[in-house]
Protein backbone atom coordinates (compact mmCIF):
# COMPACT_ATOMS: atom_id res chain seq x y z
CA MET A 1 3.72 -13.29 21.73
CA GLY A 2 4.31 -9.78 20.43
CA PRO A 3 1.59 -7.36 19.30
CA PHE A 4 1.66 -8.58 15.74
CA GLU A 5 2.58 -12.19 16.23
CA ARG A 6 0.31 -15.04 15.15
CA PRO A 7 1.29 -18.60 14.22
CA GLU A 8 1.60 -19.08 10.46
CA ARG A 9 -0.65 -21.77 9.01
CA PRO A 10 -0.85 -23.04 5.40
CA ARG A 11 -4.41 -21.75 5.03
CA ARG A 12 -3.39 -18.32 6.35
CA ARG A 13 -0.44 -18.33 3.96
CA ALA A 14 -2.87 -18.87 1.06
CA TRP A 15 -5.06 -15.98 2.21
CA LEU A 16 -1.97 -13.81 2.54
CA SER A 17 -0.99 -14.60 -1.05
CA ALA A 18 -4.50 -13.76 -2.24
CA ALA A 19 -4.41 -10.47 -0.29
CA ALA A 20 -1.10 -9.57 -1.93
CA GLY A 21 -2.66 -10.28 -5.34
CA VAL A 22 -5.61 -8.00 -4.58
CA SER A 23 -3.26 -5.17 -3.58
CA VAL A 24 -1.19 -5.50 -6.74
CA ALA A 25 -4.33 -5.61 -8.92
CA TYR A 26 -5.58 -2.38 -7.35
CA VAL A 27 -2.32 -0.60 -8.18
CA PHE A 28 -2.20 -1.67 -11.81
CA VAL A 29 -5.90 -1.33 -12.66
CA ASP A 30 -6.80 1.78 -10.67
CA LEU A 31 -3.86 3.75 -9.25
CA LEU A 32 -1.55 3.64 -12.27
CA PRO A 33 -4.22 4.70 -14.82
CA ASP A 34 -5.09 7.64 -12.53
CA LEU A 35 -1.38 8.38 -12.36
CA ALA A 36 -1.18 8.56 -16.15
CA VAL A 37 -3.97 11.17 -16.21
CA ALA A 38 -2.29 13.17 -13.44
CA GLN A 39 1.05 13.04 -15.26
CA ARG A 40 -0.53 14.60 -18.35
CA THR A 41 -1.91 17.37 -16.14
CA PHE A 42 1.55 17.91 -14.65
CA THR A 43 3.11 18.18 -18.11
CA GLU A 44 0.42 20.42 -19.57
CA SER A 45 0.59 22.81 -16.60
CA GLY A 46 4.31 23.29 -17.13
CA VAL A 47 5.34 21.51 -13.93
CA ARG A 48 8.47 19.82 -15.18
CA ILE A 49 12.23 20.08 -15.01
CA ALA A 50 13.42 20.95 -18.54
CA TRP A 51 13.90 17.51 -20.09
CA LEU A 52 12.17 15.63 -17.26
CA GLU A 53 8.53 14.80 -17.96
CA GLU A 54 8.09 11.69 -15.83
CA GLN A 55 7.92 13.22 -12.36
CA LEU A 56 5.05 11.09 -11.04
CA TYR A 57 6.52 7.85 -12.32
CA LEU A 58 9.76 8.75 -10.60
CA ALA A 59 7.72 9.36 -7.45
CA ALA A 60 6.28 5.85 -7.81
CA LEU A 61 9.81 4.52 -8.16
CA ALA A 62 10.83 6.50 -5.08
CA GLY A 63 7.93 4.94 -3.18
CA LEU A 64 9.11 1.48 -4.15
CA VAL A 65 12.71 2.22 -3.12
CA ALA A 66 11.58 3.76 0.17
CA ALA A 67 9.42 0.72 0.94
CA TYR A 68 12.39 -1.55 0.27
CA GLY A 69 14.62 0.53 2.52
CA ILE A 70 12.07 0.45 5.33
CA ASP A 71 11.74 -3.31 4.93
CA ARG A 72 15.50 -3.79 5.23
CA ILE A 73 15.57 -1.69 8.40
CA GLY A 74 12.95 -3.93 9.99
CA ARG A 75 14.38 -7.28 8.94
CA GLY A 76 16.52 -9.64 10.97
CA ALA A 77 16.10 -12.09 13.82
CA ALA A 78 18.03 -9.70 16.06
CA ALA A 79 15.55 -6.87 15.57
CA THR A 80 15.57 -4.56 18.60
CA ASP A 81 12.79 -2.47 20.10
CA ALA A 82 14.33 0.61 18.48
CA ARG A 83 14.23 -1.06 15.08
CA PHE A 84 10.66 -2.12 15.72
CA TRP A 85 9.56 1.46 16.40
CA ILE A 86 11.45 2.77 13.36
CA HIS A 87 9.61 0.18 11.27
CA VAL A 88 6.23 0.94 12.83
CA GLY A 89 6.82 4.69 12.55
CA ALA A 90 7.57 4.37 8.84
CA PHE A 91 4.42 2.28 8.33
CA ALA A 92 2.44 4.88 10.29
CA ILE A 93 3.47 7.58 7.79
CA TYR A 94 2.55 5.15 5.01
CA ASN A 95 -0.86 4.61 6.62
CA VAL A 96 -1.45 8.37 6.87
CA LEU A 97 -0.98 8.58 3.09
CA ILE A 98 -3.37 5.67 2.55
CA GLY A 99 -5.96 7.28 4.83
CA ALA A 100 -5.69 10.53 2.86
CA LEU A 101 -6.05 8.65 -0.42
CA ILE A 102 -9.26 6.97 0.79
CA GLY A 103 -10.57 10.25 2.16
CA ASN A 104 -10.24 11.88 -1.26
CA LEU A 105 -12.41 9.34 -3.03
CA ARG A 106 -15.89 10.61 -3.84
CA GLU A 107 -17.46 7.86 -5.96
CA PRO A 108 -19.04 5.17 -3.72
CA ALA A 109 -17.86 2.36 -6.01
CA GLN A 110 -14.28 3.62 -5.99
CA LEU A 111 -14.43 4.00 -2.22
CA VAL A 112 -15.62 0.41 -1.79
CA LEU A 113 -12.96 -0.97 -4.14
CA ALA A 114 -10.16 1.04 -2.55
CA THR A 115 -11.24 0.14 0.98
CA GLY A 116 -11.33 -3.56 0.09
CA ALA A 117 -7.97 -3.53 -1.66
CA LEU A 118 -6.17 -1.40 0.91
CA GLY A 119 -7.77 -3.32 3.75
CA THR A 120 -6.17 -6.51 2.41
CA HIS A 121 -2.93 -4.57 2.06
CA PHE A 122 -3.04 -3.71 5.76
CA TYR A 123 -3.34 -7.43 6.42
CA VAL A 124 -0.24 -8.06 4.31
CA ASN A 125 1.70 -5.39 6.21
CA ASP A 126 0.49 -6.74 9.54
CA ARG A 127 1.93 -10.15 8.70
CA ALA A 128 5.23 -8.58 7.65
CA LEU A 129 5.51 -6.87 11.03
CA ALA A 130 4.55 -10.10 12.78
CA ARG A 131 7.30 -11.97 11.00
CA GLU A 132 10.03 -9.44 11.65
CA HIS A 133 9.13 -8.33 15.18
CA ALA A 134 7.62 -11.34 16.89
CA SER A 135 9.50 -10.65 20.12
CA SER A 136 8.24 -7.07 20.57
CA SER A 137 5.64 -6.58 23.27
CA GLY A 138 2.56 -4.42 23.80
CA PRO A 139 -0.32 -3.37 21.52
CA ALA A 140 0.85 0.25 21.11
CA GLY A 141 2.31 -0.35 17.64
CA ARG A 142 -0.95 -1.66 16.25
CA TYR A 143 -2.93 1.20 17.81
CA LEU A 144 -0.53 3.70 16.27
CA LEU A 145 -0.99 2.21 12.80
CA ALA A 146 -4.78 2.26 13.11
CA LEU A 147 -4.71 5.87 14.35
CA ALA A 148 -2.46 6.85 11.43
CA VAL A 149 -5.15 5.83 8.92
CA LEU A 150 -7.71 7.98 10.71
CA VAL A 151 -5.30 10.93 10.78
CA GLY A 152 -4.78 10.61 7.03
CA TRP A 153 -8.53 10.40 6.42
CA ALA A 154 -9.17 13.47 8.62
CA THR A 155 -6.59 15.53 6.71
CA ALA A 156 -7.75 14.45 3.24
CA ASP A 157 -9.28 17.87 2.54
CA ILE A 158 -5.84 19.48 2.81
CA GLN A 159 -4.58 17.15 0.12
CA SER A 160 -7.64 17.60 -2.09
CA ALA A 161 -6.97 21.36 -2.12
CA HIS A 162 -3.62 20.61 -3.75
CA PRO A 163 -4.23 18.19 -6.66
CA ARG A 164 -0.53 17.95 -7.52
CA ALA A 165 0.31 16.88 -3.97
CA HIS A 166 -2.48 14.29 -4.14
CA ALA A 167 -1.02 12.93 -7.38
CA VAL A 168 2.42 12.61 -5.76
CA VAL A 169 0.89 10.74 -2.82
CA GLN A 170 -0.80 8.35 -5.26
CA ALA A 171 2.50 7.76 -7.01
CA LEU A 172 4.41 7.10 -3.80
CA LEU A 173 1.73 4.67 -2.63
CA ALA A 174 1.68 2.84 -5.96
CA GLY A 175 5.37 2.02 -5.65
CA GLY A 176 5.14 1.18 -1.96
CA ILE A 177 2.11 -1.10 -2.33
CA VAL A 178 3.70 -3.09 -5.15
CA LEU A 179 6.95 -3.60 -3.25
CA ASN A 180 5.30 -4.49 0.06
CA SER A 181 2.84 -6.89 -1.57
CA LEU A 182 5.43 -8.69 -3.67
CA ASN A 183 7.91 -8.73 -0.81
CA GLU A 184 5.37 -10.58 1.32
CA GLU A 185 4.34 -12.84 -1.55
CA LEU A 186 7.96 -13.82 -2.31
CA PRO A 187 9.37 -14.45 1.17
CA GLU A 188 12.47 -16.41 2.00
CA GLY A 189 11.88 -20.14 1.84
CA ASN A 190 9.48 -20.02 -1.12
CA ASP A 191 6.45 -19.80 1.15
CA GLY A 192 4.39 -17.87 -1.40
CA ARG A 193 1.34 -19.45 -3.03
CA PHE A 194 1.06 -18.68 -6.74
CA GLY A 195 -2.49 -20.02 -7.11
CA PRO A 196 -4.09 -17.78 -4.45
CA PHE A 197 -1.91 -14.86 -5.55
CA ALA A 198 -3.07 -15.19 -9.17
CA ALA A 199 -6.67 -15.74 -8.04
CA GLY A 200 -6.54 -12.55 -5.99
CA ILE A 201 -5.26 -10.59 -9.00
CA VAL A 202 -7.75 -12.05 -11.49
CA SER A 203 -10.82 -11.80 -9.25
CA TYR A 204 -10.18 -8.26 -8.06
CA THR A 205 -9.19 -7.07 -11.53
CA ALA A 206 -12.47 -8.41 -12.92
CA LEU A 207 -14.40 -6.75 -10.09
CA MET A 208 -12.69 -3.40 -10.63
CA LEU A 209 -13.21 -3.50 -14.39
CA LEU A 210 -16.93 -4.16 -13.91
CA PHE A 211 -17.27 -1.29 -11.46
CA LEU A 212 -15.22 1.10 -13.60
CA ARG A 213 -17.23 0.21 -16.70
CA ALA A 214 -20.45 0.89 -14.81
CA LEU A 215 -19.11 4.26 -13.67
CA ARG A 216 -18.19 5.29 -17.21
CA SER A 217 -21.44 4.17 -18.86
């Protein structure tokens, strides 16, 4: 077995669907509202291109497109070692951004919610790599992805010193998380599980709303 490979079981498939739902809920309930606030700051500070006032939303779209492109690079039964490392390298950059995002959170409740949601997202990405690169060998890829999160967390202060850059990172991640989560939830062969997916969305949305309401009261 390769470094990411594990046999797929129906129960694991249900947990994977729930994890994808949690990731999507986090984007729509937390990241996107923050993005709306950041976009207003961008516009009010004059950071725009004449008629273009949707820079951060375009960054989110770019994140989604980039995630799709990376996924296509990694797909295929004939995936080679070179393709595996391209795929892992792209996910490592993605993990650096996630680590920086977590490192910039100051409220304990937000930190807990983000860690839970993004932790499930790592599980979703792990399964995607397992599916596409089952024949690859060695644990180096998984170590690299774990190290990338720590690198992002360690460099979070650099990002926090540049709020606009932090907002762009949030936007890119929002698009990437949605694409990666839905791509894993809607695999070939209709292996997705709507019930666990919806349960993940509903339960985590309710949890986030309770925490956010407590923070604002």
